[in-house]
Every structure is written in C-alpha cells, then in structure tokens.
N, C-alpha and C. Protein backbone atom coordinates (compact mmCIF):
# COMPACT_ATOMS: atom_id res chain seq x y z
N MET A 1 -12.56 16.79 -30.46
CA MET A 1 -11.72 16.43 -31.57
C MET A 1 -10.76 15.34 -31.12
N THR A 2 -10.65 14.22 -31.84
CA THR A 2 -9.82 13.11 -31.41
C THR A 2 -8.48 13.05 -32.13
N HIS A 3 -8.26 13.89 -33.14
CA HIS A 3 -7.00 13.92 -33.88
C HIS A 3 -6.58 12.55 -34.38
N GLY A 4 -7.54 11.74 -34.85
CA GLY A 4 -7.21 10.45 -35.44
C GLY A 4 -7.05 9.32 -34.44
N PHE A 5 -7.18 9.60 -33.16
CA PHE A 5 -7.08 8.54 -32.16
C PHE A 5 -8.47 8.02 -31.87
N PRO A 6 -8.62 6.69 -31.72
CA PRO A 6 -9.94 6.18 -31.39
C PRO A 6 -10.30 6.57 -29.96
N PRO A 7 -11.58 6.78 -29.68
CA PRO A 7 -11.97 7.11 -28.32
C PRO A 7 -11.68 5.92 -27.41
N PRO A 8 -11.35 6.17 -26.14
CA PRO A 8 -11.08 5.05 -25.23
C PRO A 8 -12.33 4.23 -25.02
N ALA A 9 -12.14 2.93 -24.87
CA ALA A 9 -13.26 2.04 -24.61
C ALA A 9 -13.85 2.39 -23.25
N THR A 10 -15.16 2.32 -23.16
CA THR A 10 -15.82 2.63 -21.91
C THR A 10 -15.35 1.65 -20.84
N GLY A 11 -14.87 2.19 -19.72
CA GLY A 11 -14.44 1.34 -18.63
C GLY A 11 -13.07 0.73 -18.81
N HIS A 12 -12.43 0.96 -19.93
CA HIS A 12 -11.10 0.38 -20.18
C HIS A 12 -10.05 1.14 -19.37
N VAL A 13 -9.17 0.38 -18.71
CA VAL A 13 -8.10 0.99 -17.93
C VAL A 13 -6.79 0.71 -18.66
N PRO A 14 -6.09 1.76 -19.12
CA PRO A 14 -4.84 1.54 -19.84
C PRO A 14 -3.73 1.02 -18.93
N VAL A 15 -2.88 0.18 -19.51
CA VAL A 15 -1.69 -0.34 -18.82
C VAL A 15 -0.49 0.20 -19.59
N LEU A 16 0.24 1.12 -18.96
CA LEU A 16 1.37 1.77 -19.61
C LEU A 16 2.69 1.14 -19.18
N ARG A 17 3.64 1.08 -20.08
CA ARG A 17 4.96 0.53 -19.77
C ARG A 17 5.96 1.67 -19.63
N LEU A 18 6.63 1.73 -18.48
CA LEU A 18 7.71 2.69 -18.23
C LEU A 18 8.94 1.90 -17.84
N GLY A 19 9.85 1.71 -18.78
CA GLY A 19 11.01 0.86 -18.50
C GLY A 19 10.52 -0.56 -18.30
N ASP A 20 10.90 -1.17 -17.17
CA ASP A 20 10.45 -2.53 -16.90
C ASP A 20 9.32 -2.57 -15.87
N VAL A 21 8.59 -1.46 -15.77
CA VAL A 21 7.46 -1.36 -14.84
C VAL A 21 6.20 -1.02 -15.61
N LEU A 22 5.09 -1.63 -15.20
CA LEU A 22 3.79 -1.31 -15.77
C LEU A 22 3.09 -0.33 -14.83
N LEU A 23 2.48 0.70 -15.39
CA LEU A 23 1.77 1.70 -14.61
C LEU A 23 0.30 1.67 -14.96
N VAL A 24 -0.53 1.51 -13.93
CA VAL A 24 -1.98 1.49 -14.09
C VAL A 24 -2.54 2.59 -13.19
N THR A 25 -3.34 3.48 -13.75
CA THR A 25 -3.95 4.54 -12.97
C THR A 25 -5.46 4.32 -12.94
N LEU A 26 -5.97 4.09 -11.73
CA LEU A 26 -7.41 3.88 -11.56
C LEU A 26 -8.08 5.21 -11.26
N GLN A 27 -9.17 5.48 -11.96
CA GLN A 27 -9.95 6.70 -11.78
C GLN A 27 -11.39 6.31 -11.53
N GLY A 28 -11.93 6.66 -10.38
CA GLY A 28 -13.34 6.37 -10.11
C GLY A 28 -13.58 4.90 -9.85
N ASP A 29 -14.79 4.46 -10.15
CA ASP A 29 -15.20 3.08 -9.87
C ASP A 29 -14.66 2.12 -10.92
N LEU A 30 -14.39 0.90 -10.47
CA LEU A 30 -13.96 -0.17 -11.35
C LEU A 30 -15.05 -1.22 -11.33
N HIS A 31 -15.68 -1.45 -12.47
CA HIS A 31 -16.80 -2.38 -12.55
C HIS A 31 -16.30 -3.79 -12.85
N ASP A 32 -17.15 -4.79 -12.67
CA ASP A 32 -16.78 -6.19 -12.82
C ASP A 32 -16.05 -6.48 -14.13
N SER A 33 -16.67 -6.07 -15.25
CA SER A 33 -16.08 -6.40 -16.56
C SER A 33 -14.75 -5.67 -16.74
N SER A 34 -14.65 -4.43 -16.26
CA SER A 34 -13.40 -3.68 -16.36
C SER A 34 -12.32 -4.32 -15.51
N ALA A 35 -12.69 -4.81 -14.33
CA ALA A 35 -11.72 -5.44 -13.43
C ALA A 35 -11.18 -6.73 -14.05
N GLU A 36 -12.05 -7.53 -14.62
CA GLU A 36 -11.61 -8.77 -15.26
C GLU A 36 -10.67 -8.46 -16.43
N GLN A 37 -11.05 -7.47 -17.24
CA GLN A 37 -10.22 -7.10 -18.38
C GLN A 37 -8.87 -6.57 -17.91
N LEU A 38 -8.87 -5.76 -16.85
CA LEU A 38 -7.62 -5.20 -16.32
C LEU A 38 -6.71 -6.31 -15.83
N GLN A 39 -7.24 -7.29 -15.11
CA GLN A 39 -6.42 -8.40 -14.64
C GLN A 39 -5.79 -9.14 -15.82
N GLN A 40 -6.57 -9.39 -16.85
CA GLN A 40 -6.07 -10.07 -18.04
C GLN A 40 -5.00 -9.22 -18.74
N ASP A 41 -5.27 -7.91 -18.90
CA ASP A 41 -4.33 -7.02 -19.57
C ASP A 41 -2.99 -6.96 -18.83
N ILE A 42 -3.05 -6.88 -17.50
CA ILE A 42 -1.81 -6.81 -16.71
C ILE A 42 -1.02 -8.11 -16.85
N GLY A 43 -1.69 -9.24 -16.76
CA GLY A 43 -1.00 -10.53 -16.92
C GLY A 43 -0.33 -10.65 -18.28
N GLU A 44 -1.04 -10.27 -19.32
CA GLU A 44 -0.47 -10.33 -20.67
C GLU A 44 0.70 -9.36 -20.82
N ALA A 45 0.57 -8.16 -20.24
CA ALA A 45 1.64 -7.16 -20.36
C ALA A 45 2.88 -7.58 -19.59
N ILE A 46 2.71 -8.20 -18.42
CA ILE A 46 3.87 -8.68 -17.65
C ILE A 46 4.63 -9.70 -18.48
N THR A 47 3.91 -10.63 -19.08
CA THR A 47 4.54 -11.68 -19.88
C THR A 47 5.18 -11.11 -21.14
N ARG A 48 4.45 -10.29 -21.86
CA ARG A 48 4.93 -9.72 -23.12
C ARG A 48 6.15 -8.82 -22.92
N ASP A 49 6.07 -7.94 -21.90
CA ASP A 49 7.11 -6.93 -21.69
C ASP A 49 8.17 -7.36 -20.68
N ARG A 50 8.00 -8.55 -20.10
CA ARG A 50 8.91 -9.04 -19.06
C ARG A 50 9.06 -8.00 -17.94
N ALA A 51 7.93 -7.48 -17.52
CA ALA A 51 7.91 -6.43 -16.50
C ALA A 51 8.35 -6.97 -15.15
N ALA A 52 9.12 -6.17 -14.42
CA ALA A 52 9.58 -6.53 -13.09
C ALA A 52 8.58 -6.10 -12.03
N GLY A 53 7.73 -5.14 -12.37
CA GLY A 53 6.80 -4.64 -11.38
C GLY A 53 5.57 -4.01 -11.99
N VAL A 54 4.56 -3.85 -11.14
CA VAL A 54 3.31 -3.21 -11.51
C VAL A 54 3.02 -2.15 -10.46
N VAL A 55 2.82 -0.92 -10.89
CA VAL A 55 2.43 0.16 -9.99
C VAL A 55 0.98 0.51 -10.30
N ILE A 56 0.14 0.43 -9.26
CA ILE A 56 -1.26 0.77 -9.43
C ILE A 56 -1.52 2.04 -8.64
N ASP A 57 -1.79 3.12 -9.36
CA ASP A 57 -2.05 4.42 -8.75
C ASP A 57 -3.54 4.53 -8.44
N VAL A 58 -3.87 4.62 -7.15
CA VAL A 58 -5.27 4.70 -6.73
C VAL A 58 -5.63 6.09 -6.21
N SER A 59 -4.81 7.08 -6.52
CA SER A 59 -5.07 8.43 -6.02
C SER A 59 -6.39 9.00 -6.55
N GLY A 60 -6.90 8.48 -7.66
CA GLY A 60 -8.16 8.95 -8.22
C GLY A 60 -9.36 8.16 -7.73
N VAL A 61 -9.14 7.26 -6.77
CA VAL A 61 -10.22 6.42 -6.26
C VAL A 61 -10.71 7.01 -4.94
N GLU A 62 -11.99 7.28 -4.86
CA GLU A 62 -12.58 7.85 -3.65
C GLU A 62 -12.86 6.80 -2.59
N ILE A 63 -13.31 5.62 -3.03
CA ILE A 63 -13.73 4.56 -2.11
C ILE A 63 -13.14 3.23 -2.56
N VAL A 64 -12.53 2.51 -1.62
CA VAL A 64 -12.09 1.15 -1.90
C VAL A 64 -13.01 0.24 -1.11
N ASP A 65 -13.82 -0.52 -1.83
CA ASP A 65 -14.71 -1.47 -1.17
C ASP A 65 -14.11 -2.86 -1.24
N SER A 66 -14.85 -3.85 -0.74
CA SER A 66 -14.31 -5.21 -0.70
C SER A 66 -14.03 -5.72 -2.12
N PHE A 67 -14.84 -5.31 -3.10
CA PHE A 67 -14.61 -5.74 -4.48
C PHE A 67 -13.26 -5.25 -5.00
N LEU A 68 -13.00 -3.95 -4.85
CA LEU A 68 -11.74 -3.40 -5.34
C LEU A 68 -10.57 -3.96 -4.55
N GLY A 69 -10.74 -4.14 -3.25
CA GLY A 69 -9.68 -4.75 -2.45
C GLY A 69 -9.33 -6.14 -2.95
N ARG A 70 -10.36 -6.93 -3.27
CA ARG A 70 -10.13 -8.28 -3.80
C ARG A 70 -9.44 -8.23 -5.15
N VAL A 71 -9.86 -7.30 -6.01
CA VAL A 71 -9.24 -7.15 -7.33
C VAL A 71 -7.75 -6.83 -7.19
N LEU A 72 -7.42 -5.89 -6.31
CA LEU A 72 -6.01 -5.52 -6.10
C LEU A 72 -5.20 -6.71 -5.59
N ALA A 73 -5.78 -7.46 -4.64
CA ALA A 73 -5.09 -8.64 -4.10
C ALA A 73 -4.89 -9.70 -5.19
N GLU A 74 -5.88 -9.90 -6.05
CA GLU A 74 -5.77 -10.89 -7.13
C GLU A 74 -4.72 -10.46 -8.16
N ILE A 75 -4.69 -9.18 -8.48
CA ILE A 75 -3.68 -8.68 -9.41
C ILE A 75 -2.29 -8.93 -8.84
N ALA A 76 -2.10 -8.64 -7.55
CA ALA A 76 -0.80 -8.85 -6.91
C ALA A 76 -0.41 -10.32 -6.91
N ALA A 77 -1.37 -11.20 -6.63
CA ALA A 77 -1.08 -12.64 -6.60
C ALA A 77 -0.68 -13.15 -7.98
N LYS A 78 -1.41 -12.73 -9.00
CA LYS A 78 -1.09 -13.15 -10.38
C LYS A 78 0.26 -12.59 -10.82
N ALA A 79 0.51 -11.32 -10.48
CA ALA A 79 1.79 -10.71 -10.85
C ALA A 79 2.95 -11.45 -10.17
N ARG A 80 2.76 -11.79 -8.90
CA ARG A 80 3.81 -12.49 -8.15
C ARG A 80 4.11 -13.84 -8.81
N LEU A 81 3.08 -14.55 -9.28
CA LEU A 81 3.30 -15.82 -9.97
C LEU A 81 4.07 -15.63 -11.27
N LEU A 82 3.98 -14.43 -11.84
CA LEU A 82 4.70 -14.11 -13.08
C LEU A 82 6.01 -13.37 -12.78
N ALA A 83 6.46 -13.42 -11.52
CA ALA A 83 7.74 -12.84 -11.08
C ALA A 83 7.77 -11.32 -11.14
N ALA A 84 6.64 -10.69 -10.89
CA ALA A 84 6.58 -9.23 -10.85
C ALA A 84 6.02 -8.80 -9.50
N GLU A 85 6.51 -7.69 -9.00
CA GLU A 85 6.05 -7.14 -7.73
C GLU A 85 4.98 -6.09 -8.00
N THR A 86 4.02 -5.97 -7.08
CA THR A 86 2.96 -4.98 -7.22
C THR A 86 3.03 -3.99 -6.07
N VAL A 87 2.94 -2.70 -6.41
CA VAL A 87 2.92 -1.63 -5.42
C VAL A 87 1.70 -0.75 -5.71
N VAL A 88 0.91 -0.49 -4.66
CA VAL A 88 -0.22 0.42 -4.77
C VAL A 88 0.24 1.79 -4.31
N ALA A 89 -0.01 2.80 -5.12
CA ALA A 89 0.46 4.16 -4.82
C ALA A 89 -0.70 5.13 -4.69
N GLY A 90 -0.49 6.14 -3.84
CA GLY A 90 -1.42 7.26 -3.78
C GLY A 90 -2.70 7.03 -3.01
N MET A 91 -2.69 6.06 -2.10
CA MET A 91 -3.90 5.81 -1.35
C MET A 91 -4.17 6.97 -0.39
N ARG A 92 -5.39 7.46 -0.41
CA ARG A 92 -5.78 8.56 0.47
C ARG A 92 -5.94 8.04 1.89
N PRO A 93 -5.67 8.88 2.89
CA PRO A 93 -5.82 8.44 4.28
C PRO A 93 -7.23 7.92 4.58
N ALA A 94 -8.25 8.58 4.07
CA ALA A 94 -9.63 8.13 4.34
C ALA A 94 -9.87 6.75 3.76
N VAL A 95 -9.28 6.46 2.61
CA VAL A 95 -9.42 5.14 1.99
C VAL A 95 -8.73 4.10 2.85
N ALA A 96 -7.53 4.39 3.33
CA ALA A 96 -6.79 3.46 4.18
C ALA A 96 -7.58 3.16 5.47
N ILE A 97 -8.13 4.21 6.06
CA ILE A 97 -8.91 4.03 7.29
C ILE A 97 -10.12 3.14 7.04
N THR A 98 -10.82 3.39 5.94
CA THR A 98 -11.99 2.59 5.59
C THR A 98 -11.61 1.13 5.37
N MET A 99 -10.50 0.90 4.70
CA MET A 99 -10.06 -0.48 4.46
C MET A 99 -9.79 -1.21 5.77
N VAL A 100 -9.13 -0.54 6.70
CA VAL A 100 -8.85 -1.17 7.99
C VAL A 100 -10.15 -1.44 8.74
N GLU A 101 -11.06 -0.47 8.72
CA GLU A 101 -12.35 -0.65 9.40
C GLU A 101 -13.15 -1.80 8.82
N LEU A 102 -13.02 -2.02 7.51
CA LEU A 102 -13.73 -3.12 6.85
C LEU A 102 -12.98 -4.45 6.97
N GLY A 103 -11.77 -4.41 7.52
CA GLY A 103 -10.97 -5.63 7.63
C GLY A 103 -10.36 -6.05 6.31
N LEU A 104 -10.17 -5.10 5.38
CA LEU A 104 -9.59 -5.41 4.08
C LEU A 104 -8.07 -5.28 4.15
N TYR A 105 -7.39 -6.39 4.07
CA TYR A 105 -5.93 -6.39 4.05
C TYR A 105 -5.50 -6.89 2.69
N LEU A 106 -4.42 -6.36 2.20
CA LEU A 106 -3.97 -6.69 0.84
C LEU A 106 -2.65 -7.46 0.91
N PRO A 107 -2.73 -8.77 1.13
CA PRO A 107 -1.50 -9.55 1.22
C PRO A 107 -0.72 -9.52 -0.09
N GLY A 108 0.57 -9.41 0.02
CA GLY A 108 1.42 -9.41 -1.16
C GLY A 108 1.56 -8.06 -1.82
N LEU A 109 0.90 -7.05 -1.27
CA LEU A 109 0.98 -5.71 -1.86
C LEU A 109 1.83 -4.81 -0.98
N ARG A 110 2.69 -4.06 -1.62
CA ARG A 110 3.40 -2.99 -0.93
C ARG A 110 2.69 -1.70 -1.28
N THR A 111 2.87 -0.69 -0.45
CA THR A 111 2.24 0.60 -0.72
C THR A 111 3.29 1.69 -0.75
N ALA A 112 2.95 2.77 -1.42
CA ALA A 112 3.82 3.95 -1.51
C ALA A 112 2.92 5.17 -1.51
N LEU A 113 3.45 6.27 -1.00
CA LEU A 113 2.65 7.50 -0.94
C LEU A 113 2.43 8.11 -2.31
N SER A 114 3.39 7.96 -3.21
CA SER A 114 3.26 8.55 -4.55
C SER A 114 3.68 7.54 -5.61
N THR A 115 3.31 7.84 -6.84
CA THR A 115 3.70 6.97 -7.95
C THR A 115 5.22 6.96 -8.11
N GLU A 116 5.84 8.11 -7.93
CA GLU A 116 7.29 8.19 -8.03
C GLU A 116 7.96 7.29 -6.99
N ASP A 117 7.46 7.31 -5.75
CA ASP A 117 8.00 6.43 -4.70
C ASP A 117 7.79 4.96 -5.08
N ALA A 118 6.63 4.65 -5.63
CA ALA A 118 6.33 3.28 -6.03
C ALA A 118 7.28 2.80 -7.12
N MET A 119 7.58 3.67 -8.07
CA MET A 119 8.52 3.32 -9.14
C MET A 119 9.89 2.98 -8.55
N ARG A 120 10.31 3.74 -7.56
CA ARG A 120 11.59 3.45 -6.90
C ARG A 120 11.53 2.12 -6.16
N LEU A 121 10.41 1.82 -5.51
CA LEU A 121 10.27 0.58 -4.76
C LEU A 121 10.41 -0.66 -5.64
N VAL A 122 9.83 -0.60 -6.82
CA VAL A 122 9.92 -1.77 -7.70
C VAL A 122 11.21 -1.77 -8.51
N GLY A 123 12.02 -0.72 -8.31
CA GLY A 123 13.32 -0.68 -8.99
C GLY A 123 13.19 -0.57 -10.48
N GLY A 124 12.19 0.16 -10.92
CA GLY A 124 11.94 0.28 -12.35
C GLY A 124 13.10 0.90 -13.10
N GLY A 125 13.24 0.50 -14.34
CA GLY A 125 14.27 1.05 -15.20
C GLY A 125 13.96 2.47 -15.61
N TYR A 126 12.79 2.98 -15.23
CA TYR A 126 12.41 4.34 -15.57
C TYR A 126 12.64 5.21 -14.35
N ALA A 127 13.28 6.32 -14.53
CA ALA A 127 13.44 7.28 -13.44
C ALA A 127 13.38 8.67 -14.03
N ALA A 128 12.70 9.55 -13.34
CA ALA A 128 12.63 10.94 -13.79
C ALA A 128 14.02 11.54 -13.67
N PRO A 129 14.41 12.43 -14.57
CA PRO A 129 15.72 13.06 -14.47
C PRO A 129 15.85 13.80 -13.14
N ALA A 130 17.03 13.75 -12.58
CA ALA A 130 17.26 14.42 -11.30
C ALA A 130 17.18 15.93 -11.50
N ALA A 131 16.68 16.61 -10.47
CA ALA A 131 16.58 18.07 -10.54
C ALA A 131 17.96 18.69 -10.35
N ARG A 132 18.20 19.78 -11.03
CA ARG A 132 19.43 20.55 -10.87
C ARG A 132 19.30 21.48 -9.69
N PRO A 133 20.41 21.99 -9.20
CA PRO A 133 20.29 23.03 -8.18
C PRO A 133 19.41 24.16 -8.73
N GLY A 134 18.58 24.70 -7.91
CA GLY A 134 17.64 25.74 -8.35
C GLY A 134 16.32 25.15 -8.80
N GLY A 135 16.16 23.79 -8.68
CA GLY A 135 14.88 23.16 -8.97
C GLY A 135 14.60 22.89 -10.44
N ARG A 136 15.57 23.08 -11.32
CA ARG A 136 15.33 22.82 -12.74
C ARG A 136 15.83 21.44 -13.09
N ARG A 137 15.11 20.79 -13.98
CA ARG A 137 15.53 19.49 -14.48
C ARG A 137 16.43 19.69 -15.69
N PRO A 138 17.31 18.73 -15.96
CA PRO A 138 18.16 18.85 -17.14
C PRO A 138 17.31 19.04 -18.39
N GLY A 139 17.71 19.97 -19.21
CA GLY A 139 16.99 20.24 -20.46
C GLY A 139 15.89 21.28 -20.33
N SER A 140 15.60 21.72 -19.09
CA SER A 140 14.56 22.74 -18.94
C SER A 140 15.22 24.11 -18.91
N PRO A 141 14.49 25.14 -19.34
CA PRO A 141 15.08 26.49 -19.38
C PRO A 141 15.34 27.05 -18.01
C-alpha cells in the first residue's frame, strides 16, 4: 500500500535537506545511470538550497569499487566548486581496507564514523536535540 505516494524510481537515490546540509544514503550498488542522476541532483540541490555541506552515508554499501570511488570523488569536487563540503559517513572497516588495497583515495573528502558525526563536521544547521540526564531527549516521556 503506497498511501498516495508514488513508488520510488528504480535506482533513484533521494537527496534530503536537513538544515543547510544535504543527506544522501547509499544502499547497495550504484549503477551508471543512477550515479549520473545523483551527481546532477546533488549539484542542483546545493545551488537551490544553498547547502553548506553534503553527507553521503555509505553504511549500506557492502563493496566500494573503483567506479563508486570515482563517483564519490566527483561529487566532492563538484560540491567544492559550489562552496559545499562533502563528508562520507559510515564506511565499514572492510570497505576501507579494500579501498586502500585497490589504491582508491578520495581527495577532497572527509570521513566520519557516523552520520551524526558527519553532520557535526560540516557544521550543519540541523542537530539532534541533546539528551537529558537519564538518556531521554527533550519531549520524550
């Protein structure tokens, strides 16, 4: 049941805006046409929303090959030209090891262990409410 929402386009990667940061979550493989569309979508969103940063969450990616490495580097280069910083978040240790073994370096990209850390790195205007003593967030029971 879609509750009136159109089904997501096959291979489409959503670009979400949180404050002045764009959040992109990659899940599984990224194919050529999806990668090109994602690069275009991010560039348009940076310009339209005057985003200060782009956080790309790769925690759902099992393998980073030379293609995905190149796509991430190109996104970072384009974002930098548009005055936005790019941070890759959630890279698994096995993925990092594979990238080093393949000689894949991502110039212009910063990394963070989690999406929350990445949001702090880019200084996004979005921040999760601070936890209260006892581990509860404001407004929670």
